[in-house]
């Protein structure tokens, strides 16, 4: 058992420096200016993306999504009924957001 722990420790210790070195210089990170982008919380950006997706999918512009308006391969389609909180057969913007957040 002691030998197993020694081997495991040696393996971890030998790979750790390489992992840290790879992370430090990934994809020209040092050359990237974070100040060039406006500060926007990740949650806010995701919410904006979901709102845009809802509007894009709402083909008839009625403010609701039906099963027919979702593409056949949309990730939410198998979870449509679970997302439809009021069971009216369509998703409003809040139901869509809630459903997408569960994926």
PDB file of N, CA and C in Angstrom:
ATOM      1  N   UNK A   1       0.822  -1.187   0.000  1.00  0.00           N
ATOM      2  CA  UNK A   1       0.000   0.000   0.000  1.00  0.00           C
ATOM      3  C   UNK A   1       0.870   1.256   0.000  1.00  0.00           C
ATOM      4  N   UNK A   2       1.958   1.223   0.784  1.00  0.00           N
ATOM      5  CA  UNK A   2       2.861   2.364   0.821  1.00  0.00           C
ATOM      6  C   UNK A   2       3.453   2.627  -0.551  1.00  0.00           C
ATOM      7  N   UNK A   3       3.746   1.558  -1.267  1.00  0.00           N
ATOM      8  CA  UNK A   3       4.323   1.683  -2.600  1.00  0.00           C
ATOM      9  C   UNK A   3       3.326   2.344  -3.546  1.00  0.00           C
ATOM     10  N   UNK A   4       2.074   1.976  -3.443  1.00  0.00           N
ATOM     11  CA  UNK A   4       1.042   2.562  -4.286  1.00  0.00           C
ATOM     12  C   UNK A   4       0.930   4.067  -4.038  1.00  0.00           C
ATOM     13  N   UNK A   5       0.910   4.482  -2.777  1.00  0.00           N
ATOM     14  CA  UNK A   5       0.849   5.906  -2.453  1.00  0.00           C
ATOM     15  C   UNK A   5       2.087   6.641  -2.951  1.00  0.00           C
ATOM     16  N   UNK A   6       3.248   6.008  -2.833  1.00  0.00           N
ATOM     17  CA  UNK A   6       4.488   6.634  -3.310  1.00  0.00           C
ATOM     18  C   UNK A   6       4.443   6.830  -4.813  1.00  0.00           C
ATOM     19  N   UNK A   7       3.976   5.837  -5.545  1.00  0.00           N
ATOM     20  CA  UNK A   7       3.866   5.949  -7.000  1.00  0.00           C
ATOM     21  C   UNK A   7       2.858   7.029  -7.390  1.00  0.00           C
ATOM     22  N   UNK A   8       1.751   7.072  -6.706  1.00  0.00           N
ATOM     23  CA  UNK A   8       0.724   8.066  -6.991  1.00  0.00           C
ATOM     24  C   UNK A   8       1.251   9.476  -6.725  1.00  0.00           C
ATOM     25  N   UNK A   9       1.915   9.665  -5.604  1.00  0.00           N
ATOM     26  CA  UNK A   9       2.483  10.968  -5.270  1.00  0.00           C
ATOM     27  C   UNK A   9       3.528  11.392  -6.294  1.00  0.00           C
ATOM     28  N   UNK A  10       4.370  10.456  -6.707  1.00  0.00           N
ATOM     29  CA  UNK A  10       5.413  10.753  -7.688  1.00  0.00           C
ATOM     30  C   UNK A  10       4.792  11.164  -9.019  1.00  0.00           C
ATOM     31  N   UNK A  11       3.744  10.466  -9.428  1.00  0.00           N
ATOM     32  CA  UNK A  11       3.083  10.786 -10.696  1.00  0.00           C
ATOM     33  C   UNK A  11       2.459  12.180 -10.644  1.00  0.00           C
ATOM     34  N   UNK A  12       1.788  12.491  -9.571  1.00  0.00           N
ATOM     35  CA  UNK A  12       1.152  13.809  -9.435  1.00  0.00           C
ATOM     36  C   UNK A  12       2.209  14.900  -9.393  1.00  0.00           C
ATOM     37  N   UNK A  13       3.257  14.673  -8.637  1.00  0.00           N
ATOM     38  CA  UNK A  13       4.312  15.678  -8.501  1.00  0.00           C
ATOM     39  C   UNK A  13       5.034  15.927  -9.823  1.00  0.00           C
ATOM     40  N   UNK A  14       5.120  14.908 -10.667  1.00  0.00           N
ATOM     41  CA  UNK A  14       5.836  15.093 -11.932  1.00  0.00           C
ATOM     42  C   UNK A  14       4.983  15.809 -12.975  1.00  0.00           C
ATOM     43  N   UNK A  15       3.663  15.694 -12.897  1.00  0.00           N
ATOM     44  CA  UNK A  15       2.800  16.347 -13.880  1.00  0.00           C
ATOM     45  C   UNK A  15       2.356  17.743 -13.467  1.00  0.00           C
ATOM     46  N   UNK A  16       2.347  18.047 -12.204  1.00  0.00           N
ATOM     47  CA  UNK A  16       1.853  19.335 -11.723  1.00  0.00           C
ATOM     48  C   UNK A  16       2.587  20.530 -12.325  1.00  0.00           C
ATOM     49  N   UNK A  17       3.937  20.553 -12.342  1.00  0.00           N
ATOM     50  CA  UNK A  17       4.610  21.729 -12.916  1.00  0.00           C
ATOM     51  C   UNK A  17       4.257  21.961 -14.380  1.00  0.00           C
ATOM     52  N   UNK A  18       4.110  20.895 -15.153  1.00  0.00           N
ATOM     53  CA  UNK A  18       3.759  21.041 -16.564  1.00  0.00           C
ATOM     54  C   UNK A  18       2.351  21.606 -16.713  1.00  0.00           C
ATOM     55  N   UNK A  19       1.444  21.189 -15.870  1.00  0.00           N
ATOM     56  CA  UNK A  19       0.068  21.685 -15.945  1.00  0.00           C
ATOM     57  C   UNK A  19       0.002  23.169 -15.613  1.00  0.00           C
ATOM     58  N   UNK A  20       0.732  23.583 -14.581  1.00  0.00           N
ATOM     59  CA  UNK A  20       0.741  25.000 -14.227  1.00  0.00           C
ATOM     60  C   UNK A  20       1.410  25.843 -15.292  1.00  0.00           C
ATOM     61  N   UNK A  21       2.478  25.340 -15.872  1.00  0.00           N
ATOM     62  CA  UNK A  21       3.180  26.088 -16.915  1.00  0.00           C
ATOM     63  C   UNK A  21       2.298  26.252 -18.146  1.00  0.00           C
ATOM     64  N   UNK A  22       1.547  25.222 -18.496  1.00  0.00           N
ATOM     65  CA  UNK A  22       0.662  25.291 -19.658  1.00  0.00           C
ATOM     66  C   UNK A  22      -0.435  26.315 -19.426  1.00  0.00           C
ATOM     67  N   UNK A  23      -0.990  26.379 -18.232  1.00  0.00           N
ATOM     68  CA  UNK A  23      -2.072  27.313 -17.932  1.00  0.00           C
ATOM     69  C   UNK A  23      -1.588  28.762 -17.973  1.00  0.00           C
ATOM     70  N   UNK A  24      -0.386  29.003 -17.489  1.00  0.00           N
ATOM     71  CA  UNK A  24       0.107  30.373 -17.365  1.00  0.00           C
ATOM     72  C   UNK A  24       0.233  31.076 -18.705  1.00  0.00           C
ATOM     73  N   UNK A  25       0.582  30.359 -19.754  1.00  0.00           N
ATOM     74  CA  UNK A  25       0.793  31.029 -21.034  1.00  0.00           C
ATOM     75  C   UNK A  25      -0.168  30.574 -22.112  1.00  0.00           C
ATOM     76  N   UNK A  26      -1.368  30.187 -21.768  1.00  0.00           N
ATOM     77  CA  UNK A  26      -2.294  29.654 -22.765  1.00  0.00           C
ATOM     78  C   UNK A  26      -2.722  30.712 -23.773  1.00  0.00           C
ATOM     79  N   UNK A  27      -2.679  30.356 -25.000  1.00  0.00           N
ATOM     80  CA  UNK A  27      -3.220  31.141 -26.125  1.00  0.00           C
ATOM     81  C   UNK A  27      -2.881  32.620 -26.084  1.00  0.00           C
ATOM     82  N   UNK A  28      -1.651  32.948 -25.781  1.00  0.00           N
ATOM     83  CA  UNK A  28      -1.249  34.345 -25.791  1.00  0.00           C
ATOM     84  C   UNK A  28      -1.931  35.183 -24.732  1.00  0.00           C
ATOM     85  N   UNK A  29      -2.239  34.591 -23.616  1.00  0.00           N
ATOM     86  CA  UNK A  29      -2.977  35.277 -22.566  1.00  0.00           C
ATOM     87  C   UNK A  29      -2.299  36.579 -22.133  1.00  0.00           C
ATOM     88  N   UNK A  30      -0.966  36.567 -22.078  1.00  0.00           N
ATOM     89  CA  UNK A  30      -0.265  37.764 -21.624  1.00  0.00           C
ATOM     90  C   UNK A  30      -0.473  38.938 -22.573  1.00  0.00           C
ATOM     91  N   UNK A  31      -0.702  38.659 -23.850  1.00  0.00           N
ATOM     92  CA  UNK A  31      -0.858  39.726 -24.828  1.00  0.00           C
ATOM     93  C   UNK A  31      -2.293  40.248 -24.897  1.00  0.00           C
ATOM     94  N   UNK A  32      -3.200  39.601 -24.241  1.00  0.00           N
ATOM     95  CA  UNK A  32      -4.617  39.967 -24.296  1.00  0.00           C
ATOM     96  C   UNK A  32      -4.923  41.075 -23.302  1.00  0.00           C
ATOM     97  N   UNK A  33      -5.584  42.107 -23.755  1.00  0.00           N
ATOM     98  CA  UNK A  33      -5.935  43.235 -22.908  1.00  0.00           C
ATOM     99  C   UNK A  33      -7.368  43.082 -22.416  1.00  0.00           C
ATOM    100  N   UNK A  34      -7.525  42.714 -21.152  1.00  0.00           N
ATOM    101  CA  UNK A  34      -8.873  42.536 -20.601  1.00  0.00           C
ATOM    102  C   UNK A  34      -9.631  43.848 -20.498  1.00  0.00           C
ATOM    103  N   UNK A  35      -8.928  44.946 -20.476  1.00  0.00           N
ATOM    104  CA  UNK A  35      -9.583  46.245 -20.395  1.00  0.00           C
ATOM    105  C   UNK A  35     -10.265  46.647 -21.689  1.00  0.00           C
ATOM    106  N   UNK A  36      -9.979  45.916 -22.780  1.00  0.00           N
ATOM    107  CA  UNK A  36     -10.565  46.251 -24.071  1.00  0.00           C
ATOM    108  C   UNK A  36     -12.035  45.847 -24.156  1.00  0.00           C
ATOM    109  N   UNK A  37     -12.481  44.991 -23.246  1.00  0.00           N
ATOM    110  CA  UNK A  37     -13.870  44.525 -23.262  1.00  0.00           C
ATOM    111  C   UNK A  37     -14.656  45.227 -22.169  1.00  0.00           C
ATOM    112  N   UNK A  38     -15.881  45.595 -22.461  1.00  0.00           N
ATOM    113  CA  UNK A  38     -16.685  46.205 -21.403  1.00  0.00           C
ATOM    114  C   UNK A  38     -16.973  45.178 -20.315  1.00  0.00           C
ATOM    115  N   UNK A  39     -16.986  45.624 -19.085  1.00  0.00           N
ATOM    116  CA  UNK A  39     -17.267  44.722 -17.971  1.00  0.00           C
ATOM    117  C   UNK A  39     -18.725  44.311 -18.024  1.00  0.00           C
ATOM    118  N   UNK A  40     -18.945  43.005 -18.103  1.00  0.00           N
ATOM    119  CA  UNK A  40     -20.309  42.483 -18.116  1.00  0.00           C
ATOM    120  C   UNK A  40     -20.288  41.158 -17.376  1.00  0.00           C
ATOM    121  N   UNK A  41     -21.053  41.037 -16.322  1.00  0.00           N
ATOM    122  CA  UNK A  41     -21.070  39.774 -15.593  1.00  0.00           C
ATOM    123  C   UNK A  41     -21.472  38.626 -16.509  1.00  0.00           C
ATOM    124  N   UNK A  42     -20.893  37.454 -16.261  1.00  0.00           N
ATOM    125  CA  UNK A  42     -21.175  36.285 -17.093  1.00  0.00           C
ATOM    126  C   UNK A  42     -22.662  35.942 -17.085  1.00  0.00           C
ATOM    127  N   UNK A  43     -23.305  36.047 -15.932  1.00  0.00           N
ATOM    128  CA  UNK A  43     -24.728  35.734 -15.850  1.00  0.00           C
ATOM    129  C   UNK A  43     -25.544  36.685 -16.709  1.00  0.00           C
ATOM    130  N   UNK A  44     -25.160  37.945 -16.734  1.00  0.00           N
ATOM    131  CA  UNK A  44     -25.869  38.934 -17.531  1.00  0.00           C
ATOM    132  C   UNK A  44     -25.701  38.650 -19.020  1.00  0.00           C
ATOM    133  N   UNK A  45     -24.494  38.275 -19.427  1.00  0.00           N
ATOM    134  CA  UNK A  45     -24.241  37.956 -20.827  1.00  0.00           C
ATOM    135  C   UNK A  45     -25.046  36.729 -21.237  1.00  0.00           C
ATOM    136  N   UNK A  46     -25.095  35.722 -20.369  1.00  0.00           N
ATOM    137  CA  UNK A  46     -25.853  34.511 -20.678  1.00  0.00           C
ATOM    138  C   UNK A  46     -27.338  34.821 -20.787  1.00  0.00           C
ATOM    139  N   UNK A  47     -27.852  35.666 -19.901  1.00  0.00           N
ATOM    140  CA  UNK A  47     -29.264  36.040 -19.951  1.00  0.00           C
ATOM    141  C   UNK A  47     -29.581  36.768 -21.247  1.00  0.00           C
ATOM    142  N   UNK A  48     -28.678  37.636 -21.683  1.00  0.00           N
ATOM    143  CA  UNK A  48     -28.883  38.360 -22.932  1.00  0.00           C
ATOM    144  C   UNK A  48     -28.898  37.392 -24.105  1.00  0.00           C
ATOM    145  N   UNK A  49     -28.003  36.400 -24.091  1.00  0.00           N
ATOM    146  CA  UNK A  49     -27.973  35.398 -25.151  1.00  0.00           C
ATOM    147  C   UNK A  49     -29.269  34.587 -25.185  1.00  0.00           C
ATOM    148  N   UNK A  50     -29.777  34.234 -24.023  1.00  0.00           N
ATOM    149  CA  UNK A  50     -31.011  33.445 -23.957  1.00  0.00           C
ATOM    150  C   UNK A  50     -32.194  34.270 -24.441  1.00  0.00           C
ATOM    151  N   UNK A  51     -32.234  35.550 -24.076  1.00  0.00           N
ATOM    152  CA  UNK A  51     -33.314  36.423 -24.555  1.00  0.00           C
ATOM    153  C   UNK A  51     -33.270  36.559 -26.074  1.00  0.00           C
ATOM    154  N   UNK A  52     -32.077  36.699 -26.621  1.00  0.00           N
ATOM    155  CA  UNK A  52     -31.931  36.810 -28.075  1.00  0.00           C
ATOM    156  C   UNK A  52     -32.357  35.513 -28.754  1.00  0.00           C
ATOM    157  N   UNK A  53     -31.997  34.386 -28.162  1.00  0.00           N
ATOM    158  CA  UNK A  53     -32.390  33.089 -28.729  1.00  0.00           C
ATOM    159  C   UNK A  53     -33.906  32.938 -28.713  1.00  0.00           C
ATOM    160  N   UNK A  54     -34.533  33.357 -27.610  1.00  0.00           N
ATOM    161  CA  UNK A  54     -35.993  33.277 -27.510  1.00  0.00           C
ATOM    162  C   UNK A  54     -36.646  34.081 -28.631  1.00  0.00           C
ATOM    163  N   UNK A  55     -36.201  35.315 -28.822  1.00  0.00           N
ATOM    164  CA  UNK A  55     -36.777  36.162 -29.872  1.00  0.00           C
ATOM    165  C   UNK A  55     -36.548  35.585 -31.257  1.00  0.00           C
ATOM    166  N   UNK A  56     -35.363  35.008 -31.463  1.00  0.00           N
ATOM    167  CA  UNK A  56     -35.040  34.423 -32.762  1.00  0.00           C
ATOM    168  C   UNK A  56     -35.912  33.191 -33.046  1.00  0.00           C
ATOM    169  N   UNK A  57     -36.193  32.403 -32.007  1.00  0.00           N
ATOM    170  CA  UNK A  57     -36.989  31.191 -32.180  1.00  0.00           C
ATOM    171  C   UNK A  57     -38.484  31.465 -32.265  1.00  0.00           C
ATOM    172  N   UNK A  58     -38.923  32.578 -31.706  1.00  0.00           N
ATOM    173  CA  UNK A  58     -40.352  32.931 -31.705  1.00  0.00           C
ATOM    174  C   UNK A  58     -40.747  33.390 -33.108  1.00  0.00           C
ATOM    175  N   UNK A  59     -40.981  32.424 -33.976  1.00  0.00           N
ATOM    176  CA  UNK A  59     -41.230  32.694 -35.391  1.00  0.00           C
ATOM    177  C   UNK A  59     -42.408  33.607 -35.665  1.00  0.00           C
ATOM    178  N   UNK A  60     -43.491  33.470 -34.925  1.00  0.00           N
ATOM    179  CA  UNK A  60     -44.675  34.300 -35.191  1.00  0.00           C
ATOM    180  C   UNK A  60     -44.721  35.550 -34.319  1.00  0.00           C
ATOM    181  N   UNK A  61     -43.722  35.735 -33.443  1.00  0.00           N
ATOM    182  CA  UNK A  61     -43.634  36.957 -32.644  1.00  0.00           C
ATOM    183  C   UNK A  61     -44.722  37.135 -31.614  1.00  0.00           C
ATOM    184  N   UNK A  62     -45.330  36.033 -31.157  1.00  0.00           N
ATOM    185  CA  UNK A  62     -46.414  36.162 -30.185  1.00  0.00           C
ATOM    186  C   UNK A  62     -45.937  36.160 -28.734  1.00  0.00           C
ATOM    187  N   UNK A  63     -44.626  36.043 -28.529  1.00  0.00           N
ATOM    188  CA  UNK A  63     -44.086  36.051 -27.175  1.00  0.00           C
ATOM    189  C   UNK A  63     -44.086  34.693 -26.503  1.00  0.00           C
ATOM    190  N   UNK A  64     -44.361  33.645 -27.285  1.00  0.00           N
ATOM    191  CA  UNK A  64     -44.368  32.284 -26.765  1.00  0.00           C
ATOM    192  C   UNK A  64     -43.664  31.364 -27.750  1.00  0.00           C
ATOM    193  N   UNK A  65     -43.113  30.265 -27.221  1.00  0.00           N
ATOM    194  CA  UNK A  65     -42.528  29.234 -28.082  1.00  0.00           C
ATOM    195  C   UNK A  65     -43.350  27.965 -27.959  1.00  0.00           C
ATOM    196  N   UNK A  66     -43.680  27.402 -29.086  1.00  0.00           N
ATOM    197  CA  UNK A  66     -44.351  26.111 -29.107  1.00  0.00           C
ATOM    198  C   UNK A  66     -43.326  25.056 -29.524  1.00  0.00           C
ATOM    199  N   UNK A  67     -43.695  23.803 -29.395  1.00  0.00           N
ATOM    200  CA  UNK A  67     -42.803  22.714 -29.840  1.00  0.00           C
ATOM    201  C   UNK A  67     -42.441  22.882 -31.313  1.00  0.00           C
ATOM    202  N   UNK A  68     -43.389  23.329 -32.107  1.00  0.00           N
ATOM    203  CA  UNK A  68     -43.174  23.467 -33.542  1.00  0.00           C
ATOM    204  C   UNK A  68     -42.165  24.565 -33.862  1.00  0.00           C
ATOM    205  N   UNK A  69     -42.053  25.563 -33.002  1.00  0.00           N
ATOM    206  CA  UNK A  69     -41.109  26.648 -33.255  1.00  0.00           C
ATOM    207  C   UNK A  69     -39.671  26.274 -32.890  1.00  0.00           C
ATOM    208  N   UNK A  70     -39.498  25.258 -32.054  1.00  0.00           N
ATOM    209  CA  UNK A  70     -38.147  24.815 -31.707  1.00  0.00           C
ATOM    210  C   UNK A  70     -37.611  23.902 -32.806  1.00  0.00           C
ATOM    211  N   UNK A  71     -36.347  24.065 -33.183  1.00  0.00           N
ATOM    212  CA  UNK A  71     -35.751  23.168 -34.178  1.00  0.00           C
ATOM    213  C   UNK A  71     -35.756  21.728 -33.656  1.00  0.00           C
ATOM    214  N   UNK A  72     -35.781  20.774 -34.556  1.00  0.00           N
ATOM    215  CA  UNK A  72     -35.862  19.356 -34.197  1.00  0.00           C
ATOM    216  C   UNK A  72     -34.715  18.905 -33.304  1.00  0.00           C
ATOM    217  N   UNK A  73     -33.560  19.555 -33.412  1.00  0.00           N
ATOM    218  CA  UNK A  73     -32.411  19.141 -32.615  1.00  0.00           C
ATOM    219  C   UNK A  73     -32.154  20.057 -31.408  1.00  0.00           C
ATOM    220  N   UNK A  74     -33.100  20.904 -31.046  1.00  0.00           N
ATOM    221  CA  UNK A  74     -32.896  21.838 -29.935  1.00  0.00           C
ATOM    222  C   UNK A  74     -32.826  21.066 -28.617  1.00  0.00           C
ATOM    223  N   UNK A  75     -31.856  21.438 -27.772  1.00  0.00           N
ATOM    224  CA  UNK A  75     -31.614  20.734 -26.513  1.00  0.00           C
ATOM    225  C   UNK A  75     -32.800  20.788 -25.556  1.00  0.00           C
ATOM    226  N   UNK A  76     -33.630  21.808 -25.656  1.00  0.00           N
ATOM    227  CA  UNK A  76     -34.754  21.955 -24.734  1.00  0.00           C
ATOM    228  C   UNK A  76     -35.966  21.109 -25.137  1.00  0.00           C
ATOM    229  N   UNK A  77     -36.008  20.684 -26.363  1.00  0.00           N
ATOM    230  CA  UNK A  77     -37.184  19.961 -26.858  1.00  0.00           C
ATOM    231  C   UNK A  77     -37.548  18.733 -26.019  1.00  0.00           C
ATOM    232  N   UNK A  78     -36.586  17.880 -25.646  1.00  0.00           N
ATOM    233  CA  UNK A  78     -36.971  16.728 -24.808  1.00  0.00           C
ATOM    234  C   UNK A  78     -37.453  17.131 -23.413  1.00  0.00           C
ATOM    235  N   UNK A  79     -37.163  18.362 -23.004  1.00  0.00           N
ATOM    236  CA  UNK A  79     -37.524  18.841 -21.678  1.00  0.00           C
ATOM    237  C   UNK A  79     -38.635  19.899 -21.737  1.00  0.00           C
ATOM    238  N   UNK A  80     -39.318  19.956 -22.850  1.00  0.00           N
ATOM    239  CA  UNK A  80     -40.330  20.985 -23.074  1.00  0.00           C
ATOM    240  C   UNK A  80     -41.408  20.949 -21.995  1.00  0.00           C
ATOM    241  N   UNK A  81     -41.973  19.763 -21.745  1.00  0.00           N
ATOM    242  CA  UNK A  81     -43.063  19.660 -20.764  1.00  0.00           C
ATOM    243  C   UNK A  81     -42.610  20.058 -19.365  1.00  0.00           C
ATOM    244  N   UNK A  82     -41.381  19.712 -19.000  1.00  0.00           N
ATOM    245  CA  UNK A  82     -40.871  20.070 -17.686  1.00  0.00           C
ATOM    246  C   UNK A  82     -40.665  21.589 -17.584  1.00  0.00           C
ATOM    247  N   UNK A  83     -40.335  22.237 -18.688  1.00  0.00           N
ATOM    248  CA  UNK A  83     -40.114  23.676 -18.706  1.00  0.00           C
ATOM    249  C   UNK A  83     -41.419  24.461 -18.719  1.00  0.00           C
ATOM    250  N   UNK A  84     -42.482  23.849 -19.209  1.00  0.00           N
ATOM    251  CA  UNK A  84     -43.794  24.495 -19.327  1.00  0.00           C
ATOM    252  C   UNK A  84     -44.487  24.487 -17.963  1.00  0.00           C
ATOM    253  N   UNK A  85     -44.144  25.462 -17.121  1.00  0.00           N
ATOM    254  CA  UNK A  85     -44.610  25.489 -15.730  1.00  0.00           C
ATOM    255  C   UNK A  85     -46.127  25.547 -15.603  1.00  0.00           C
ATOM    256  N   UNK A  86     -46.794  26.308 -16.468  1.00  0.00           N
ATOM    257  CA  UNK A  86     -48.249  26.442 -16.341  1.00  0.00           C
ATOM    258  C   UNK A  86     -49.020  25.467 -17.226  1.00  0.00           C
ATOM    259  N   UNK A  87     -48.318  24.589 -17.896  1.00  0.00           N
ATOM    260  CA  UNK A  87     -48.907  23.500 -18.702  1.00  0.00           C
ATOM    261  C   UNK A  87     -49.874  23.991 -19.772  1.00  0.00           C
ATOM    262  N   UNK A  88     -49.502  25.120 -20.406  1.00  0.00           N
ATOM    263  CA  UNK A  88     -50.373  25.621 -21.468  1.00  0.00           C
ATOM    264  C   UNK A  88     -49.897  25.207 -22.860  1.00  0.00           C
ATOM    265  N   UNK A  89     -48.855  24.387 -22.928  1.00  0.00           N
ATOM    266  CA  UNK A  89     -48.383  23.884 -24.213  1.00  0.00           C
ATOM    267  C   UNK A  89     -47.455  24.837 -24.943  1.00  0.00           C
ATOM    268  N   UNK A  90     -47.034  25.885 -24.266  1.00  0.00           N
ATOM    269  CA  UNK A  90     -46.108  26.838 -24.869  1.00  0.00           C
ATOM    270  C   UNK A  90     -45.236  27.431 -23.761  1.00  0.00           C
ATOM    271  N   UNK A  91     -44.084  27.959 -24.163  1.00  0.00           N
ATOM    272  CA  UNK A  91     -43.150  28.530 -23.204  1.00  0.00           C
ATOM    273  C   UNK A  91     -43.114  30.043 -23.355  1.00  0.00           C
ATOM    274  N   UNK A  92     -43.300  30.757 -22.254  1.00  0.00           N
ATOM    275  CA  UNK A  92     -43.066  32.197 -22.303  1.00  0.00           C
ATOM    276  C   UNK A  92     -41.573  32.418 -22.069  1.00  0.00           C
ATOM    277  N   UNK A  93     -41.125  33.661 -22.074  1.00  0.00           N
ATOM    278  CA  UNK A  93     -39.695  33.955 -21.958  1.00  0.00           C
ATOM    279  C   UNK A  93     -39.115  33.438 -20.644  1.00  0.00           C
ATOM    280  N   UNK A  94     -39.860  33.574 -19.551  1.00  0.00           N
ATOM    281  CA  UNK A  94     -39.352  33.101 -18.258  1.00  0.00           C
ATOM    282  C   UNK A  94     -39.255  31.583 -18.205  1.00  0.00           C
ATOM    283  N   UNK A  95     -40.230  30.885 -18.751  1.00  0.00           N
ATOM    284  CA  UNK A  95     -40.181  29.427 -18.782  1.00  0.00           C
ATOM    285  C   UNK A  95     -39.013  28.956 -19.654  1.00  0.00           C
ATOM    286  N   UNK A  96     -38.797  29.641 -20.750  1.00  0.00           N
ATOM    287  CA  UNK A  96     -37.680  29.303 -21.637  1.00  0.00           C
ATOM    288  C   UNK A  96     -36.354  29.501 -20.908  1.00  0.00           C
ATOM    289  N   UNK A  97     -36.187  30.634 -20.239  1.00  0.00           N
ATOM    290  CA  UNK A  97     -34.953  30.914 -19.491  1.00  0.00           C
ATOM    291  C   UNK A  97     -34.731  29.857 -18.410  1.00  0.00           C
ATOM    292  N   UNK A  98     -35.769  29.558 -17.684  1.00  0.00           N
ATOM    293  CA  UNK A  98     -35.655  28.562 -16.616  1.00  0.00           C
ATOM    294  C   UNK A  98     -35.288  27.192 -17.188  1.00  0.00           C
ATOM    295  N   UNK A  99     -35.939  26.841 -18.290  1.00  0.00           N
ATOM    296  CA  UNK A  99     -35.633  25.552 -18.928  1.00  0.00           C
ATOM    297  C   UNK A  99     -34.206  25.494 -19.446  1.00  0.00           C
ATOM    298  N   UNK A 100     -33.750  26.570 -20.061  1.00  0.00           N
ATOM    299  CA  UNK A 100     -32.387  26.598 -20.584  1.00  0.00           C
ATOM    300  C   UNK A 100     -31.356  26.559 -19.456  1.00  0.00           C
ATOM    301  N   UNK A 101     -31.682  27.143 -18.321  1.00  0.00           N
ATOM    302  CA  UNK A 101     -30.738  27.134 -17.196  1.00  0.00           C
ATOM    303  C   UNK A 101     -30.586  25.737 -16.598  1.00  0.00           C
ATOM    304  N   UNK A 102     -31.549  24.862 -16.845  1.00  0.00           N
ATOM    305  CA  UNK A 102     -31.469  23.498 -16.315  1.00  0.00           C
ATOM    306  C   UNK A 102     -30.663  22.570 -17.201  1.00  0.00           C
ATOM    307  N   UNK A 103     -30.339  23.011 -18.401  1.00  0.00           N
ATOM    308  CA  UNK A 103     -29.577  22.151 -19.323  1.00  0.00           C
ATOM    309  C   UNK A 103     -28.129  22.122 -18.975  1.00  0.00           C
TER     310      UNK A 103
END
